[in-house]
Amino acid sequence: MAQTILFVCLGNICRSPSAEGVLRAMASERGKALEIDSAGTGDWHLGEPPYGPMQRAAQARGYDLSPLRARQVSVEDFARFDLILAMDESNMANLKAMRPADARAELRLFTDYAPQTRATEVPDPYYTRDFDGALDLIEIAARGLLDQLGE
């Protein structure tokens, strides 16, 4: 099963860095060694830290996102990662459009790992302003992902 995981959202300043931070912390707690990264489909925030309100919401739950910096997803990521997880259908469409024919990465929606929520995407808190709601869903999906990866 996947040992290298890339989370992808639009700008890589809210959802995907939060998912990276949450999964990194949960995997560490379980003693699971994973390579985890995040990226955005857009290039507006390259090199920037995660969005302040998102960082504060994550910090309140014990997740430190401050070392992370936004980057854009690249064609090379499809060879580097086992699993690329999109935060919504728009991100998925962008990933499918750039996916090379020989890609080894499996593409899935992150919410596939949280079927009990019936969510089809992680809503973008940059627009919804619901940082805690996004983190709730990210935590549920991260637990589901780790459960599928096994102990």
C-alpha atoms as a PDB file:
ATOM      1  CA  MET A   1       0.000   0.000   0.000  1.00  0.00           C
ATOM      2  CA  ALA A   2       1.001   3.644  -0.380  1.00  0.00           C
ATOM      3  CA  GLN A   3       4.014   4.812   1.566  1.00  0.00           C
ATOM      4  CA  THR A   4       4.428   8.143  -0.243  1.00  0.00           C
ATOM      5  CA  ILE A   5       1.435  10.470  -0.177  1.00  0.00           C
ATOM      6  CA  LEU A   6       0.849  13.901  -1.716  1.00  0.00           C
ATOM      7  CA  PHE A   7      -2.116  16.084  -0.757  1.00  0.00           C
ATOM      8  CA  VAL A   8      -3.286  18.578  -3.376  1.00  0.00           C
ATOM      9  CA  CYS A   9      -5.580  21.594  -3.144  1.00  0.00           C
ATOM     10  CA  LEU A  10      -5.783  24.856  -5.057  1.00  0.00           C
ATOM     11  CA  GLY A  11      -3.178  27.160  -3.511  1.00  0.00           C
ATOM     12  CA  ASN A  12      -1.437  24.864  -0.988  1.00  0.00           C
ATOM     13  CA  ILE A  13      -2.064  27.269   1.906  1.00  0.00           C
ATOM     14  CA  CYS A  14      -5.116  25.758   3.691  1.00  0.00           C
ATOM     15  CA  ARG A  15      -6.416  22.263   3.023  1.00  0.00           C
ATOM     16  CA  SER A  16      -3.435  20.349   1.663  1.00  0.00           C
ATOM     17  CA  PRO A  17      -0.851  21.638   4.171  1.00  0.00           C
ATOM     18  CA  SER A  18      -3.346  20.939   6.956  1.00  0.00           C
ATOM     19  CA  ALA A  19      -3.827  17.397   5.679  1.00  0.00           C
ATOM     20  CA  GLU A  20      -0.040  17.009   5.501  1.00  0.00           C
ATOM     21  CA  GLY A  21       0.376  18.218   9.083  1.00  0.00           C
ATOM     22  CA  VAL A  22      -2.505  16.145  10.449  1.00  0.00           C
ATOM     23  CA  LEU A  23      -1.452  12.926   8.713  1.00  0.00           C
ATOM     24  CA  ARG A  24       2.189  13.449   9.696  1.00  0.00           C
ATOM     25  CA  ALA A  25       1.189  13.791  13.372  1.00  0.00           C
ATOM     26  CA  MET A  26      -1.231  10.852  13.315  1.00  0.00           C
ATOM     27  CA  ALA A  27       1.234   8.596  11.477  1.00  0.00           C
ATOM     28  CA  SER A  28       3.915   9.480  14.017  1.00  0.00           C
ATOM     29  CA  GLU A  29       1.567   8.603  16.889  1.00  0.00           C
ATOM     30  CA  ARG A  30       0.934   5.213  15.287  1.00  0.00           C
ATOM     31  CA  GLY A  31       4.624   4.649  14.541  1.00  0.00           C
ATOM     32  CA  LYS A  32       3.877   4.591  10.801  1.00  0.00           C
ATOM     33  CA  ALA A  33       6.714   5.773   8.544  1.00  0.00           C
ATOM     34  CA  LEU A  34       5.290   7.669   5.575  1.00  0.00           C
ATOM     35  CA  GLU A  35       6.655  10.278   3.198  1.00  0.00           C
ATOM     36  CA  ILE A  36       4.028  13.023   3.176  1.00  0.00           C
ATOM     37  CA  ASP A  37       3.967  16.259   1.191  1.00  0.00           C
ATOM     38  CA  SER A  38       1.453  18.760  -0.140  1.00  0.00           C
ATOM     39  CA  ALA A  39       1.139  20.983  -3.189  1.00  0.00           C
ATOM     40  CA  GLY A  40      -1.308  23.203  -5.015  1.00  0.00           C
ATOM     41  CA  THR A  41      -2.563  23.177  -8.575  1.00  0.00           C
ATOM     42  CA  GLY A  42      -2.139  26.968  -8.733  1.00  0.00           C
ATOM     43  CA  ASP A  43       1.001  29.049  -8.397  1.00  0.00           C
ATOM     44  CA  TRP A  44      -0.306  32.102  -6.523  1.00  0.00           C
ATOM     45  CA  HIS A  45       1.291  31.348  -3.150  1.00  0.00           C
ATOM     46  CA  LEU A  46       4.610  29.682  -4.037  1.00  0.00           C
ATOM     47  CA  GLY A  47       7.011  29.744  -1.096  1.00  0.00           C
ATOM     48  CA  GLU A  48       4.419  31.172   1.313  1.00  0.00           C
ATOM     49  CA  PRO A  49       3.561  29.600   4.679  1.00  0.00           C
ATOM     50  CA  PRO A  50       0.045  28.246   5.248  1.00  0.00           C
ATOM     51  CA  TYR A  51      -2.679  30.856   5.657  1.00  0.00           C
ATOM     52  CA  GLY A  52      -2.602  32.463   9.123  1.00  0.00           C
ATOM     53  CA  PRO A  53      -6.138  31.583  10.249  1.00  0.00           C
ATOM     54  CA  MET A  54      -5.599  27.982   9.066  1.00  0.00           C
ATOM     55  CA  GLN A  55      -2.325  27.775  10.994  1.00  0.00           C
ATOM     56  CA  ARG A  56      -4.002  29.094  14.136  1.00  0.00           C
ATOM     57  CA  ALA A  57      -6.882  26.604  13.896  1.00  0.00           C
ATOM     58  CA  ALA A  58      -4.421  23.749  13.374  1.00  0.00           C
ATOM     59  CA  GLN A  59      -2.182  24.957  16.217  1.00  0.00           C
ATOM     60  CA  ALA A  60      -5.175  24.945  18.569  1.00  0.00           C
ATOM     61  CA  ARG A  61      -5.392  21.183  17.885  1.00  0.00           C
ATOM     62  CA  GLY A  62      -1.659  20.619  18.302  1.00  0.00           C
ATOM     63  CA  TYR A  63      -0.624  20.646  14.628  1.00  0.00           C
ATOM     64  CA  ASP A  64       2.308  22.901  13.700  1.00  0.00           C
ATOM     65  CA  LEU A  65       2.059  23.955  10.056  1.00  0.00           C
ATOM     66  CA  SER A  66       4.575  26.814  10.343  1.00  0.00           C
ATOM     67  CA  PRO A  67       7.528  25.017   8.671  1.00  0.00           C
ATOM     68  CA  LEU A  68       5.498  24.231   5.535  1.00  0.00           C
ATOM     69  CA  ARG A  69       5.776  26.305   2.362  1.00  0.00           C
ATOM     70  CA  ALA A  70       3.489  26.305  -0.665  1.00  0.00           C
ATOM     71  CA  ARG A  71       4.619  24.659  -3.851  1.00  0.00           C
ATOM     72  CA  GLN A  72       2.948  23.757  -7.109  1.00  0.00           C
ATOM     73  CA  VAL A  73       2.286  20.156  -8.101  1.00  0.00           C
ATOM     74  CA  SER A  74       4.611  18.944 -10.858  1.00  0.00           C
ATOM     75  CA  VAL A  75       4.603  16.163 -13.430  1.00  0.00           C
ATOM     76  CA  GLU A  76       7.457  14.556 -11.467  1.00  0.00           C
ATOM     77  CA  ASP A  77       5.106  14.106  -8.502  1.00  0.00           C
ATOM     78  CA  PHE A  78       3.244  11.414 -10.462  1.00  0.00           C
ATOM     79  CA  ALA A  79       6.411   9.286 -10.413  1.00  0.00           C
ATOM     80  CA  ARG A  80       7.545  10.225  -6.908  1.00  0.00           C
ATOM     81  CA  PHE A  81       4.334   9.457  -4.982  1.00  0.00           C
ATOM     82  CA  ASP A  82       2.296   6.271  -4.589  1.00  0.00           C
ATOM     83  CA  LEU A  83      -0.902   8.154  -3.803  1.00  0.00           C
ATOM     84  CA  ILE A  84      -2.019  11.659  -4.743  1.00  0.00           C
ATOM     85  CA  LEU A  85      -5.086  12.865  -2.864  1.00  0.00           C
ATOM     86  CA  ALA A  86      -7.154  15.749  -4.219  1.00  0.00           C
ATOM     87  CA  MET A  87      -9.270  17.882  -1.896  1.00  0.00           C
ATOM     88  CA  ASP A  88     -12.072  18.381  -4.431  1.00  0.00           C
ATOM     89  CA  GLU A  89     -13.245  17.480  -7.948  1.00  0.00           C
ATOM     90  CA  SER A  90     -11.720  20.629  -9.456  1.00  0.00           C
ATOM     91  CA  ASN A  91      -8.289  19.693  -8.095  1.00  0.00           C
ATOM     92  CA  MET A  92      -8.859  16.139  -9.354  1.00  0.00           C
ATOM     93  CA  ALA A  93      -9.697  17.388 -12.858  1.00  0.00           C
ATOM     94  CA  ASN A  94      -6.516  19.482 -12.908  1.00  0.00           C
ATOM     95  CA  LEU A  95      -4.451  16.501 -11.752  1.00  0.00           C
ATOM     96  CA  LYS A  96      -5.981  14.183 -14.365  1.00  0.00           C
ATOM     97  CA  ALA A  97      -5.240  16.746 -17.080  1.00  0.00           C
ATOM     98  CA  MET A  98      -1.533  16.901 -16.190  1.00  0.00           C
ATOM     99  CA  ARG A  99      -1.056  13.223 -15.335  1.00  0.00           C
ATOM    100  CA  PRO A 100       1.510  11.593 -17.625  1.00  0.00           C
ATOM    101  CA  ALA A 101       0.640   8.318 -19.346  1.00  0.00           C
ATOM    102  CA  ASP A 102       3.309   6.428 -17.389  1.00  0.00           C
ATOM    103  CA  ALA A 103       2.300   7.810 -13.978  1.00  0.00           C
ATOM    104  CA  ARG A 104       2.624   5.351 -11.106  1.00  0.00           C
ATOM    105  CA  ALA A 105       0.651   7.445  -8.601  1.00  0.00           C
ATOM    106  CA  GLU A 106      -2.908   6.490  -7.805  1.00  0.00           C
ATOM    107  CA  LEU A 107      -5.271   9.500  -7.843  1.00  0.00           C
ATOM    108  CA  ARG A 108      -8.107   9.652  -5.338  1.00  0.00           C
ATOM    109  CA  LEU A 109     -10.231  12.157  -3.480  1.00  0.00           C
ATOM    110  CA  PHE A 110      -9.167  12.555   0.153  1.00  0.00           C
ATOM    111  CA  THR A 111     -12.802  12.252   1.226  1.00  0.00           C
ATOM    112  CA  ASP A 112     -12.819   8.668  -0.125  1.00  0.00           C
ATOM    113  CA  TYR A 113     -11.272   7.823   3.245  1.00  0.00           C
ATOM    114  CA  ALA A 114     -14.160   9.407   5.175  1.00  0.00           C
ATOM    115  CA  PRO A 115     -17.244   7.689   3.696  1.00  0.00           C
ATOM    116  CA  GLN A 116     -19.173   8.035   6.954  1.00  0.00           C
ATOM    117  CA  THR A 117     -19.230  11.825   6.461  1.00  0.00           C
ATOM    118  CA  ARG A 118     -20.843  11.573   3.011  1.00  0.00           C
ATOM    119  CA  ALA A 119     -18.596  14.494   2.029  1.00  0.00           C
ATOM    120  CA  THR A 120     -17.457  14.573  -1.579  1.00  0.00           C
ATOM    121  CA  GLU A 121     -14.834  17.268  -0.990  1.00  0.00           C
ATOM    122  CA  VAL A 122     -13.018  19.169   1.717  1.00  0.00           C
ATOM    123  CA  PRO A 123     -14.568  22.669   1.426  1.00  0.00           C
ATOM    124  CA  ASP A 124     -11.958  25.405   1.032  1.00  0.00           C
ATOM    125  CA  PRO A 125     -11.831  27.354   4.312  1.00  0.00           C
ATOM    126  CA  TYR A 126     -10.076  30.233   2.539  1.00  0.00           C
ATOM    127  CA  TYR A 127     -13.530  30.955   1.104  1.00  0.00           C
ATOM    128  CA  THR A 128     -15.907  29.334   3.606  1.00  0.00           C
ATOM    129  CA  ARG A 129     -13.988  30.646   6.678  1.00  0.00           C
ATOM    130  CA  ASP A 130     -14.819  27.333   8.395  1.00  0.00           C
ATOM    131  CA  PHE A 131     -11.283  26.327   9.397  1.00  0.00           C
ATOM    132  CA  ASP A 132     -12.457  24.024  12.190  1.00  0.00           C
ATOM    133  CA  GLY A 133     -14.954  22.285   9.933  1.00  0.00           C
ATOM    134  CA  ALA A 134     -12.214  21.629   7.376  1.00  0.00           C
ATOM    135  CA  LEU A 135      -9.946  20.270  10.110  1.00  0.00           C
ATOM    136  CA  ASP A 136     -12.721  18.025  11.443  1.00  0.00           C
ATOM    137  CA  LEU A 137     -13.107  16.441   8.005  1.00  0.00           C
ATOM    138  CA  ILE A 138      -9.335  16.242   7.451  1.00  0.00           C
ATOM    139  CA  GLU A 139      -8.878  14.440  10.782  1.00  0.00           C
ATOM    140  CA  ILE A 140     -11.610  11.909   9.962  1.00  0.00           C
ATOM    141  CA  ALA A 141     -10.179  11.244   6.484  1.00  0.00           C
ATOM    142  CA  ALA A 142      -6.616  10.989   7.841  1.00  0.00           C
ATOM    143  CA  ARG A 143      -7.713   8.351  10.375  1.00  0.00           C
ATOM    144  CA  GLY A 144      -9.516   6.454   7.597  1.00  0.00           C
ATOM    145  CA  LEU A 145      -6.442   6.612   5.377  1.00  0.00           C
ATOM    146  CA  LEU A 146      -4.174   5.336   8.134  1.00  0.00           C
ATOM    147  CA  ASP A 147      -6.628   2.536   8.912  1.00  0.00           C
ATOM    148  CA  GLN A 148      -6.522   1.445   5.259  1.00  0.00           C
ATOM    149  CA  LEU A 149      -2.720   1.614   5.201  1.00  0.00           C
ATOM    150  CA  GLY A 150      -2.678  -0.747   8.171  1.00  0.00           C
ATOM    151  CA  GLU A 151      -0.595  -0.606  11.322  1.00  0.00           C
END
